[in-house]
Amino acid sequence: MEIRDRRHISHSGRRGSLSAIAALLLATQGCSSAMTAPTDHASSGSASSTDDFTNTVKDWPLRFLRHDFAAQCFNTRDCKIVYSGFPHHWDEPQRSWQSYGYDHADFFQSAELSIANFPPPAVLDWISKDGTSHHATIDMAGIFKDRLIRHNVPKHEVKEGVSIGNPTIALEVDDRTVNVYMIAHIPTKHLQIPGNKYSDFREDMIKVYSKTY
């Protein structure tokens, strides 16, 4: 499991970064997407019924009934992803995410919001750097069958009485590899950066699935 720590990004600092990312992605995508409306640390185990769902740390281990979705393609000649009936299409060559000089997670800003768990599998059609055509289906219901939020915050550090928003499921095509991540905003009792009042959260980018074709 891969974890990328985003504690260093404050709300105010991240806004400027995300604005730059949004402008960059609009400029580089041939056809861009439009916005539509356990252990102590781990989210493992089975989710209980929705009858007692509070959307707070009381639901430990943390689980989700709805999710946001983001998608990106890198190192491809052409790439199309369809999820929940919504197409994401890059019809021009895409380079590596590292070449842009931004944090990896900043590329995955949700384009589909508040999706009920779960639509049919995502359908992917793309051409990798070597000119090979690929087709795949990615079943989010199977990957997240436990309905649990992946994060890296111990229970005793999650702020009590605060609603936990929908996590983002991020789907990435990178050349011949498909990756699925979860990015969740988890409110914390203590500041992650002492003295920075905007750092009362963690947003770890956690890889939960990967397959190379």
Protein backbone atom coordinates (compact mmCIF):
# COMPACT_ATOMS: atom_id res chain seq x y z
CA MET A 1 0.00 0.00 0.00
CA GLU A 2 1.40 3.37 -1.05
CA ILE A 3 0.78 6.43 1.09
CA ARG A 4 1.53 10.00 0.11
CA ASP A 5 1.35 12.45 3.01
CA ARG A 6 -0.28 15.79 2.17
CA ARG A 7 -0.09 17.37 5.62
CA HIS A 8 2.19 20.11 4.31
CA ILE A 9 -0.57 21.56 2.11
CA SER A 10 -2.78 24.09 3.91
CA HIS A 11 -6.25 25.05 2.71
CA SER A 12 -5.08 28.49 1.64
CA GLY A 13 -1.88 27.28 0.02
CA ARG A 14 -3.63 24.46 -1.75
CA ARG A 15 -6.18 26.77 -3.38
CA GLY A 16 -3.47 28.53 -5.40
CA SER A 17 -1.89 25.23 -6.35
CA LEU A 18 -5.22 23.75 -7.43
CA SER A 19 -6.07 26.79 -9.52
CA ALA A 20 -2.79 26.39 -11.37
CA ILE A 21 -3.42 22.67 -11.80
CA ALA A 22 -6.94 23.28 -13.14
CA ALA A 23 -5.65 25.77 -15.70
CA LEU A 24 -2.87 23.39 -16.70
CA LEU A 25 -5.17 20.44 -17.14
CA LEU A 26 -7.63 22.43 -19.23
CA ALA A 27 -4.76 23.45 -21.48
CA THR A 28 -3.36 19.92 -21.85
CA GLN A 29 -6.54 17.87 -22.18
CA GLY A 30 -7.95 17.45 -25.65
CA CYS A 31 -11.45 17.09 -24.23
CA SER A 32 -11.73 18.05 -20.56
CA SER A 33 -14.21 16.85 -17.97
CA ALA A 34 -16.85 19.19 -16.56
CA MET A 35 -17.79 19.38 -12.87
CA THR A 36 -21.03 17.61 -11.94
CA ALA A 37 -23.06 18.08 -9.32
CA PRO A 38 -8.86 -2.83 11.64
CA THR A 39 -5.87 -1.62 13.34
CA ASP A 40 -5.95 1.76 15.04
CA HIS A 41 -4.75 3.41 11.83
CA ALA A 42 -6.36 1.19 9.22
CA SER A 43 -9.84 1.19 7.81
CA SER A 44 -10.24 -2.57 7.73
CA GLY A 45 -13.09 -4.81 8.72
CA SER A 46 -16.65 -4.77 7.49
CA ALA A 47 -18.95 -1.79 7.39
CA SER A 48 -22.16 -2.03 9.40
CA SER A 49 -25.63 -1.17 8.13
CA THR A 50 -26.65 2.39 7.33
CA ASP A 51 -29.10 2.50 10.24
CA ASP A 52 -26.46 3.76 12.66
CA PHE A 53 -24.41 5.81 10.20
CA THR A 54 -23.37 9.16 11.71
CA ASN A 55 -20.74 10.27 9.17
CA THR A 56 -18.34 10.95 12.06
CA VAL A 57 -15.59 9.08 13.89
CA LYS A 58 -18.35 7.25 15.81
CA ASP A 59 -18.63 5.06 12.70
CA TRP A 60 -15.16 3.62 13.29
CA PRO A 61 -13.81 2.11 11.18
CA LEU A 62 -14.67 5.00 8.88
CA ARG A 63 -16.88 4.11 5.94
CA PHE A 64 -18.56 5.87 3.05
CA LEU A 65 -21.99 5.67 1.45
CA ARG A 66 -21.16 8.04 -1.42
CA HIS A 67 -17.94 9.09 -3.12
CA ASP A 68 -16.49 11.66 -5.50
CA PHE A 69 -14.54 10.60 -8.56
CA ALA A 70 -11.50 11.93 -10.39
CA ALA A 71 -9.56 10.56 -13.34
CA GLN A 72 -6.30 11.34 -15.12
CA CYS A 73 -4.22 9.85 -17.91
CA PHE A 74 -0.46 10.16 -18.23
CA ASN A 75 2.02 8.84 -20.80
CA THR A 76 -0.79 8.04 -23.25
CA ARG A 77 -1.53 8.93 -26.87
CA ASP A 78 -5.29 8.82 -26.45
CA CYS A 79 -7.29 7.94 -23.36
CA LYS A 80 -10.99 7.68 -22.51
CA ILE A 81 -12.53 6.76 -19.16
CA VAL A 82 -16.27 6.42 -18.60
CA TYR A 83 -17.61 6.12 -15.05
CA SER A 84 -21.16 6.56 -13.79
CA GLY A 85 -22.18 7.52 -17.33
CA PHE A 86 -19.71 10.42 -17.42
CA PRO A 87 -16.89 10.47 -20.01
CA HIS A 88 -13.37 11.75 -19.37
CA HIS A 89 -11.40 12.02 -22.61
CA TRP A 90 -7.82 13.04 -23.43
CA ASP A 91 -7.52 12.91 -27.21
CA GLU A 92 -3.99 14.35 -27.37
CA PRO A 93 -0.72 12.84 -26.12
CA GLN A 94 -0.27 13.19 -22.37
CA ARG A 95 3.14 13.31 -20.71
CA SER A 96 4.18 12.11 -17.26
CA TRP A 97 2.76 13.80 -14.17
CA GLN A 98 6.30 14.28 -12.84
CA SER A 99 7.15 16.53 -15.80
CA TYR A 100 4.68 19.18 -14.63
CA GLY A 101 6.41 19.75 -11.31
CA TYR A 102 3.28 19.41 -9.17
CA ASP A 103 2.44 17.00 -6.38
CA HIS A 104 0.90 13.81 -7.75
CA ALA A 105 -2.30 14.13 -5.73
CA ASP A 106 -3.00 17.66 -6.98
CA PHE A 107 -3.96 16.28 -10.40
CA PHE A 108 -6.96 14.43 -9.00
CA GLN A 109 -9.61 17.05 -8.43
CA SER A 110 -13.08 15.56 -8.35
CA ALA A 111 -15.08 15.89 -11.56
CA GLU A 112 -18.05 13.80 -10.41
CA LEU A 113 -19.54 14.50 -7.01
CA SER A 114 -21.58 12.53 -4.47
CA ILE A 115 -21.92 9.27 -6.42
CA ALA A 116 -23.90 6.59 -4.60
CA ASN A 117 -21.92 3.39 -4.01
CA PHE A 118 -21.58 1.95 -6.64
CA PRO A 119 -22.13 2.49 -10.38
CA PRO A 120 -21.20 -0.23 -12.91
CA PRO A 121 -17.48 -0.71 -13.55
CA ALA A 122 -15.46 2.08 -15.13
CA VAL A 123 -14.70 1.45 -18.81
CA LEU A 124 -11.23 2.37 -20.06
CA ASP A 125 -9.93 2.59 -23.63
CA TRP A 126 -6.48 4.03 -24.23
CA ILE A 127 -3.33 3.93 -26.33
CA SER A 128 -0.08 3.57 -24.41
CA LYS A 129 3.17 5.32 -25.37
CA ASP A 130 4.25 2.47 -27.63
CA GLY A 131 1.07 2.72 -29.71
CA THR A 132 -0.68 -0.34 -28.25
CA SER A 133 -4.44 -0.11 -27.78
CA HIS A 134 -5.88 -1.27 -24.46
CA HIS A 135 -9.34 -1.92 -23.04
CA ALA A 136 -10.21 -2.60 -19.42
CA THR A 137 -13.05 -2.45 -16.92
CA ILE A 138 -12.36 -1.47 -13.32
CA ASP A 139 -14.96 -2.56 -10.75
CA MET A 140 -14.99 -0.06 -7.89
CA ALA A 141 -17.64 -2.08 -6.07
CA GLY A 142 -15.23 -4.99 -5.92
CA ILE A 143 -12.17 -2.94 -5.00
CA PHE A 144 -14.05 -1.15 -2.20
CA LYS A 145 -16.37 -4.00 -1.24
CA ASP A 146 -15.86 -3.26 2.46
CA ARG A 147 -17.04 0.37 1.92
CA LEU A 148 -14.28 1.59 4.22
CA ILE A 149 -12.35 4.85 3.88
CA ARG A 150 -8.62 4.36 3.40
CA HIS A 151 -6.67 6.84 5.50
CA ASN A 152 -3.71 7.11 7.83
CA VAL A 153 -5.16 8.73 10.95
CA PRO A 154 -5.49 6.83 14.26
CA LYS A 155 -8.94 6.87 15.85
CA HIS A 156 -7.82 8.90 18.85
CA GLU A 157 -6.59 11.68 16.54
CA VAL A 158 -9.79 12.06 14.43
CA LYS A 159 -11.74 15.14 15.53
CA GLU A 160 -14.99 14.15 17.19
CA GLY A 161 -18.38 15.48 16.16
CA VAL A 162 -17.13 16.64 12.75
CA SER A 163 -18.71 15.28 9.57
CA ILE A 164 -16.33 13.45 7.28
CA GLY A 165 -16.97 14.29 3.65
CA ASN A 166 -17.15 11.91 0.73
CA PRO A 167 -13.75 10.48 -0.14
CA THR A 168 -12.44 10.82 -3.68
CA ILE A 169 -11.82 7.68 -5.69
CA ALA A 170 -9.06 8.55 -8.14
CA LEU A 171 -8.49 6.47 -11.28
CA GLU A 172 -5.23 6.84 -13.17
CA VAL A 173 -3.96 5.46 -16.45
CA ASP A 174 -0.18 5.76 -16.72
CA ASP A 175 1.18 4.24 -19.93
CA ARG A 176 0.29 0.54 -19.50
CA THR A 177 -0.65 0.70 -15.80
CA VAL A 178 -4.02 1.43 -14.20
CA ASN A 179 -4.01 2.64 -10.59
CA VAL A 180 -6.87 3.35 -8.20
CA TYR A 181 -6.33 5.61 -5.19
CA MET A 182 -8.45 6.98 -2.38
CA ILE A 183 -8.03 10.53 -1.11
CA ALA A 184 -10.01 11.37 2.04
CA HIS A 185 -10.12 14.58 4.05
CA ILE A 186 -9.84 13.48 7.69
CA PRO A 187 -10.23 16.22 10.36
CA THR A 188 -7.69 15.93 13.17
CA LYS A 189 -7.70 17.09 16.78
CA HIS A 190 -4.25 18.59 16.49
CA LEU A 191 -2.64 20.80 13.87
CA GLN A 192 -0.47 18.82 11.51
CA ILE A 193 1.81 21.86 11.17
CA PRO A 194 2.26 23.65 14.50
CA GLY A 195 1.09 27.25 14.24
CA ASN A 196 -0.78 26.72 10.95
CA LYS A 197 -4.49 26.96 11.76
CA TYR A 198 -5.37 25.49 8.35
CA SER A 199 -3.53 22.21 8.98
CA ASP A 200 -6.16 20.50 11.14
CA PHE A 201 -6.59 17.62 8.69
CA ARG A 202 -4.80 14.95 6.68
CA GLU A 203 -5.38 14.07 3.04
CA ASP A 204 -3.31 11.01 2.32
CA MET A 205 -3.32 9.59 -1.19
CA ILE A 206 -3.47 5.83 -0.79
CA LYS A 207 -3.08 3.35 -3.61
CA VAL A 208 -5.57 0.48 -3.29
CA TYR A 209 -5.34 -1.17 -6.72
CA SER A 210 -2.84 -1.48 -9.56
CA LYS A 211 -2.64 -3.55 -12.73
CA THR A 212 -0.25 -3.39 -15.67
CA TYR A 213 -1.48 -4.42 -19.12
